[in-house]
């Protein structure tokens, strides 16, 4: 049985040595879940448009809207990650977090 510390730094994020984990505020988590629920609905809508043989340009515009919404979620997460998790790890001497962050940013920018 593993024990887990319930301490969370003031930043609202932390990681343990064995398993990294983010601790978002209830407001942030609610915001992210709400945005993702909307994206999920948009994706279902796109599927419906394709099933109904909707004009391609209309479907492509909906796909662009979903991509934009996902990018927005990614930006929010990245901002919180940089302001808390990355800073905490650098202060703990874990400078490899910079390389990890660069890999993640490159994936987001594709």
C-alpha atoms as a PDB file:
ATOM      1  CA  UNK A   1       0.000   0.000   0.000  1.00  0.00           C
ATOM      2  CA  UNK A   2       1.484   3.323  -1.008  1.00  0.00           C
ATOM      3  CA  UNK A   3       1.102   6.508   0.961  1.00  0.00           C
ATOM      4  CA  UNK A   4       0.620   9.806  -0.729  1.00  0.00           C
ATOM      5  CA  UNK A   5       1.332  13.206   0.732  1.00  0.00           C
ATOM      6  CA  UNK A   6      -1.635  15.527   0.831  1.00  0.00           C
ATOM      7  CA  UNK A   7       0.572  18.611   0.812  1.00  0.00           C
ATOM      8  CA  UNK A   8       0.120  20.831  -2.214  1.00  0.00           C
ATOM      9  CA  UNK A   9       2.335  23.886  -2.715  1.00  0.00           C
ATOM     10  CA  UNK A  10       0.691  27.302  -2.757  1.00  0.00           C
ATOM     11  CA  UNK A  11       0.961  27.302  -6.558  1.00  0.00           C
ATOM     12  CA  UNK A  12      -1.697  24.597  -6.660  1.00  0.00           C
ATOM     13  CA  UNK A  13       0.533  22.163  -8.515  1.00  0.00           C
ATOM     14  CA  UNK A  14       3.039  19.627  -7.344  1.00  0.00           C
ATOM     15  CA  UNK A  15       4.755  16.434  -8.239  1.00  0.00           C
ATOM     16  CA  UNK A  16       6.091  13.671  -6.095  1.00  0.00           C
ATOM     17  CA  UNK A  17       9.378  11.913  -6.677  1.00  0.00           C
ATOM     18  CA  UNK A  18       7.645   8.694  -7.737  1.00  0.00           C
ATOM     19  CA  UNK A  19       4.731  10.042  -9.766  1.00  0.00           C
ATOM     20  CA  UNK A  20       4.183  13.492 -11.165  1.00  0.00           C
ATOM     21  CA  UNK A  21       0.680  14.841 -10.782  1.00  0.00           C
ATOM     22  CA  UNK A  22      -0.942  18.225 -11.303  1.00  0.00           C
ATOM     23  CA  UNK A  23      -3.394  19.577  -8.805  1.00  0.00           C
ATOM     24  CA  UNK A  24      -5.589  22.100 -10.554  1.00  0.00           C
ATOM     25  CA  UNK A  25      -7.876  24.386  -8.621  1.00  0.00           C
ATOM     26  CA  UNK A  26     -11.537  23.434  -8.769  1.00  0.00           C
ATOM     27  CA  UNK A  27     -12.175  26.536 -10.904  1.00  0.00           C
ATOM     28  CA  UNK A  28      -9.441  25.606 -13.407  1.00  0.00           C
ATOM     29  CA  UNK A  29     -10.528  21.972 -13.562  1.00  0.00           C
ATOM     30  CA  UNK A  30     -14.151  23.013 -14.121  1.00  0.00           C
ATOM     31  CA  UNK A  31     -13.086  25.416 -16.886  1.00  0.00           C
ATOM     32  CA  UNK A  32     -10.987  22.760 -18.640  1.00  0.00           C
ATOM     33  CA  UNK A  33     -13.692  20.096 -18.362  1.00  0.00           C
ATOM     34  CA  UNK A  34     -16.319  22.518 -19.679  1.00  0.00           C
ATOM     35  CA  UNK A  35     -14.130  23.386 -22.671  1.00  0.00           C
ATOM     36  CA  UNK A  36     -13.411  19.713 -23.371  1.00  0.00           C
ATOM     37  CA  UNK A  37     -17.108  18.829 -23.115  1.00  0.00           C
ATOM     38  CA  UNK A  38     -17.801  21.481 -25.753  1.00  0.00           C
ATOM     39  CA  UNK A  39     -15.053  20.055 -27.973  1.00  0.00           C
ATOM     40  CA  UNK A  40     -16.510  16.579 -27.533  1.00  0.00           C
ATOM     41  CA  UNK A  41     -19.901  17.886 -28.636  1.00  0.00           C
ATOM     42  CA  UNK A  42     -18.348  19.636 -31.622  1.00  0.00           C
ATOM     43  CA  UNK A  43     -16.619  16.408 -32.697  1.00  0.00           C
ATOM     44  CA  UNK A  44     -19.916  14.518 -32.459  1.00  0.00           C
ATOM     45  CA  UNK A  45     -21.471  17.293 -34.537  1.00  0.00           C
ATOM     46  CA  UNK A  46     -18.786  16.908 -37.196  1.00  0.00           C
ATOM     47  CA  UNK A  47     -19.464  13.188 -37.331  1.00  0.00           C
ATOM     48  CA  UNK A  48     -23.142  13.967 -37.867  1.00  0.00           C
ATOM     49  CA  UNK A  49     -22.316  16.434 -40.630  1.00  0.00           C
ATOM     50  CA  UNK A  50     -20.308  13.784 -42.447  1.00  0.00           C
ATOM     51  CA  UNK A  51     -23.102  11.238 -42.002  1.00  0.00           C
ATOM     52  CA  UNK A  52     -25.520  13.769 -43.568  1.00  0.00           C
ATOM     53  CA  UNK A  53     -23.169  14.440 -46.512  1.00  0.00           C
ATOM     54  CA  UNK A  54     -22.785  18.097 -45.498  1.00  0.00           C
ATOM     55  CA  UNK A  55     -20.797  20.279 -47.883  1.00  0.00           C
ATOM     56  CA  UNK A  56     -17.056  19.740 -47.317  1.00  0.00           C
ATOM     57  CA  UNK A  57     -16.225  23.404 -46.687  1.00  0.00           C
ATOM     58  CA  UNK A  58     -18.760  23.540 -43.851  1.00  0.00           C
ATOM     59  CA  UNK A  59     -17.270  20.419 -42.271  1.00  0.00           C
ATOM     60  CA  UNK A  60     -13.734  21.786 -42.632  1.00  0.00           C
ATOM     61  CA  UNK A  61     -14.765  25.012 -40.888  1.00  0.00           C
ATOM     62  CA  UNK A  62     -16.128  22.974 -37.975  1.00  0.00           C
ATOM     63  CA  UNK A  63     -12.878  20.994 -37.822  1.00  0.00           C
ATOM     64  CA  UNK A  64     -10.958  24.290 -37.652  1.00  0.00           C
ATOM     65  CA  UNK A  65     -13.185  25.401 -34.760  1.00  0.00           C
ATOM     66  CA  UNK A  66     -12.445  22.174 -32.849  1.00  0.00           C
ATOM     67  CA  UNK A  67      -8.707  22.560 -33.431  1.00  0.00           C
ATOM     68  CA  UNK A  68      -8.867  26.134 -32.156  1.00  0.00           C
ATOM     69  CA  UNK A  69     -10.782  25.054 -29.052  1.00  0.00           C
ATOM     70  CA  UNK A  70      -8.254  22.298 -28.301  1.00  0.00           C
ATOM     71  CA  UNK A  71      -5.387  24.750 -28.806  1.00  0.00           C
ATOM     72  CA  UNK A  72      -7.040  27.030 -26.267  1.00  0.00           C
ATOM     73  CA  UNK A  73      -7.191  24.210 -23.704  1.00  0.00           C
ATOM     74  CA  UNK A  74      -3.549  23.421 -24.440  1.00  0.00           C
ATOM     75  CA  UNK A  75      -2.494  27.040 -23.923  1.00  0.00           C
ATOM     76  CA  UNK A  76      -4.256  27.200 -20.551  1.00  0.00           C
ATOM     77  CA  UNK A  77      -2.585  23.995 -19.405  1.00  0.00           C
ATOM     78  CA  UNK A  78       0.815  25.082 -20.706  1.00  0.00           C
ATOM     79  CA  UNK A  79       0.572  28.423 -18.916  1.00  0.00           C
ATOM     80  CA  UNK A  80      -0.290  26.778 -15.605  1.00  0.00           C
ATOM     81  CA  UNK A  81       2.412  24.158 -16.110  1.00  0.00           C
ATOM     82  CA  UNK A  82       5.095  26.773 -16.764  1.00  0.00           C
ATOM     83  CA  UNK A  83       4.044  28.996 -13.873  1.00  0.00           C
ATOM     84  CA  UNK A  84       4.025  26.208 -11.332  1.00  0.00           C
ATOM     85  CA  UNK A  85       5.297  22.728 -12.182  1.00  0.00           C
ATOM     86  CA  UNK A  86       8.257  23.883 -14.285  1.00  0.00           C
ATOM     87  CA  UNK A  87       9.308  26.544 -11.785  1.00  0.00           C
ATOM     88  CA  UNK A  88       8.977  24.097  -8.874  1.00  0.00           C
ATOM     89  CA  UNK A  89      11.108  21.487 -10.641  1.00  0.00           C
ATOM     90  CA  UNK A  90      13.799  24.000 -11.627  1.00  0.00           C
ATOM     91  CA  UNK A  91      13.941  25.243  -8.043  1.00  0.00           C
ATOM     92  CA  UNK A  92      14.352  21.607  -6.965  1.00  0.00           C
ATOM     93  CA  UNK A  93      17.344  21.280  -9.287  1.00  0.00           C
ATOM     94  CA  UNK A  94      15.516  19.225 -11.923  1.00  0.00           C
ATOM     95  CA  UNK A  95      16.760  21.182 -14.937  1.00  0.00           C
ATOM     96  CA  UNK A  96      15.822  18.345 -17.322  1.00  0.00           C
ATOM     97  CA  UNK A  97      12.285  19.759 -17.117  1.00  0.00           C
ATOM     98  CA  UNK A  98      13.368  22.363 -19.690  1.00  0.00           C
ATOM     99  CA  UNK A  99      14.076  19.664 -22.294  1.00  0.00           C
ATOM    100  CA  UNK A 100      10.766  17.997 -21.421  1.00  0.00           C
ATOM    101  CA  UNK A 101       8.968  21.316 -21.861  1.00  0.00           C
ATOM    102  CA  UNK A 102      10.639  21.967 -25.225  1.00  0.00           C
ATOM    103  CA  UNK A 103       9.517  18.554 -26.520  1.00  0.00           C
ATOM    104  CA  UNK A 104       5.969  19.299 -25.376  1.00  0.00           C
ATOM    105  CA  UNK A 105       5.922  22.786 -26.913  1.00  0.00           C
ATOM    106  CA  UNK A 106       7.207  21.374 -30.219  1.00  0.00           C
ATOM    107  CA  UNK A 107       4.366  18.827 -30.204  1.00  0.00           C
ATOM    108  CA  UNK A 108       1.815  21.567 -29.524  1.00  0.00           C
ATOM    109  CA  UNK A 109       3.135  23.699 -32.374  1.00  0.00           C
ATOM    110  CA  UNK A 110       2.819  21.003 -35.057  1.00  0.00           C
END
